[in-house]
Structures are given as structure tokens and as C-alpha cells.
Amino acid sequence: MKLQRFDRAMVLDYQEDAAGFLTVRAGITRPGVFPYRRGDGGIQFEAKLPEDILSDAVVQSARAKPVTDEHPPEPVTLDNIQKYSRGMSHTDSRVEDDKIVVTMTVTDRSLIERVRSGKQKEISIGFETDLIQEPGEYMGQRYDAKQTNIAINHIAIVARGRAGPHVAIRGDSAFEIDEEDINEGGQTMAMYTIDGKEFEVPSEVKSKLDVLEARLDAANTKVGEYDKLQGRYDALEAERDTLKGDLENAKKQVLTADKLDAAIAARVALIDGARKFLGDSFDFSGKTDRDVKVAVIQKVKGADFKADGKSDEYIDAFYDASVERARTDGFTSTGANSVITGSYTSDTQDEIAKAKSARLNVKDHWKEGK
């Protein structure tokens, strides 16, 4: 449903011709965020975005439109133009300095006199628009809704400070206001709600409070957005610290050229030594050093050797002792010279302890890069 809206602007200049008609030039509307007083007295901030208000369709809709004395209580049509029209706009509407500017001619003597005296020098367009209830921000100012498909119906010349026409404002209409808007005549009262309680206050006070409340809501929205951004920043900072720690750990684990050469040589030596026990058919691919050593131990000692629960240091030492014992006594998978099925006595345990100690010394030297 199209909604009615009434905007305000000032007469830029005017001149009177020989016939007494008054030609007026005015910027009738512009992009921005404006507070509107609705029929229920509430305030809503509505946006006229450049792509909507400065479109060719809106500029053309300002051409050859009736000029009225204040806003009529209904849209101007062919049926009532004789009643409300006090002149017409020209067909020269255009965009100047981010405003729609148009020339119009006033043909009513009484209205001309009030324009010349300064009593009635404000321009207010009456138009219909689709209102999209979609909050956003334009030029740093928050809005509650935006106007689209704007079509100008008439151009009213109104008195300064008027919040609306003499007639009652219908529920589907709203007038652009500012903080200086006051009601003409005697003071009228309105209800304003504070913490769930209603208080009777002057209408102009309620209007100002509504504007301030809308601004406060907009400010609170900005604070909420800031808190979200701060939370994202803190999360990214924590992630950065984690990645930094991971990078430091990775750097510590990177092998130098010397250490890499030593590791490769150790792997080759292990495979060469193990192949003597395991044979050429043994597949070393995908096997860790521990896997290879356990396979050698099981080959020398017997398949009943269980590596579960044994530390790497224990496996290393057992492997060294097994290889050394087999090298000394001669290797067979069974028999008296098997490391375990032979005499697995305190001498054997001493050999394992010595091998373990020797391997630890080698590891220390390797870590120090020696």
C-alpha cells in the first residue's frame, strides 16, 4: 500500500511578472535521513536514498503538478484540482546540488501576498511512497525505514514551523519535522510513556522526547555493533597468538641441514642393519624406526616379544643389546645363542642398560648439534 508523506524545503527565490503572477524557484527535496511524525504522534526516521529520490522517475513526477495553499486533506486529482490548485509547477524539474529543483507559478492573490510577506515561504511536497521497514545507515545516520517508488502528487506552500495541515492527520500519513516544530495556537497535551507509566506532557515536549529517544536507540545500535566488532577483534587476536605459538613450535621442530643429514644417515644405517636380520623381503616402507626395531627384536628373541607399554628408550636399548649380542654370538632365531632363549640373565640386562645409556648420550649430542 502506498503511504502519504509530506516534506519541507524553503523557497529559493521568486519574481512577479507584469500580470501579477508569482514565479517561484525551490529545491523541493533531497537525499537524507529525516524524522517523521506519524499520525499516532510517534517519530520514525526514514531515509531518502539518492538512487530513489534523485531517480528520473521522481524528477519527472515533479513536473506540471498542482501548487496548493497548505496540504489538502486528500490527494489532488482531476476531480478536485479546481478546489485545491493555486498554481502549477513548470516542466523544468532537474537535479542541482543533490536536490530536485523546480520552478512553479502561483496564481492565487492571497497566497502570493503571504509569500511576499514571508508568512508562507516554506515548500512542502505531498507524495506517495512505498515504505520498506528495513533499518540501515546513510551518511552516518541510522534510519528505521526507507522510501521507494516515490511519486510527487502536489507541491504545497506552507507556513514556517507547521508540523502539518489544519485537517486531522490520517493514520497512513506522516510529516517531516525538526526539533523546532511547535503546535500553533494553545498548548496541547500528549501522553508520553516512561518505564511503563504514562505522563501527560505538552505535545512539543513529546515530539522532542521522541526525537531524542530515536537518536538514543540509534546510538545504542552503534554501541552494539561496536561490541560485536570488538568481540571479533579479540577472537582474531587470540587466534593470532595461537598461530604464533604454533609457528614457534614448528620452527623448533625444523631440522637444520646437518641434523637432516644425520637423521637420513641414521635411517639408512637402521635399515641396512635390520635387513641382515629381517631379509630382503621385509617391507620397510611406512614403518617407523620403532616398528623396524621391534621387528628385529622379535626376529632375534622370538615372536612372543611384546612391545606394548614399552617406552621408546626401552625399545632402543633392547634393540642395541639384541644386535650386539647377535653380532657377538652369531645370529639364529632359536637356540642357545638367541638373546632371550639363550641365557637371558643379569648379563643381558646389563647389556641393555649399557646400550640404553649409550643411546641417551648419542641423543644428547644430536640435540646439541654436535
Foldseek 3Di string as FASTA:
>chain_A
DWFKEKEKWFFPDWDADPVGKIKTKTQADFWDWFWKQFLVRFIFIETEDCCACQPPQNQQLQAFAFEFAFDDPDFDDPVCCVPTGQWTWHRPWHADPRTTMTMIIGNDPVVVVCCVVLQWGMKMWMWIWDKAQDWDDDPRDIGRIYTHPIHTRHIYTYGPLAQGDPDRHDRRYIYTDDLSRDDPDDWDWDWDDDPRDTDIDTSSVSNNVSVVVVRVVRVVVVVVVVVVVVVVVVVVVVVVVVVVVVVVVVVLVDDDPLLVVVVVVVVVVLCVLLCVQVPPVDDCPPPDSLRSLVVSLCQLQNVPDDCPPPDPLLSQLLSVLQSVLCVVQPGDSDDQSRCHNHDVDVVSVVSSVVSSVVVVVVVVCSSVVD
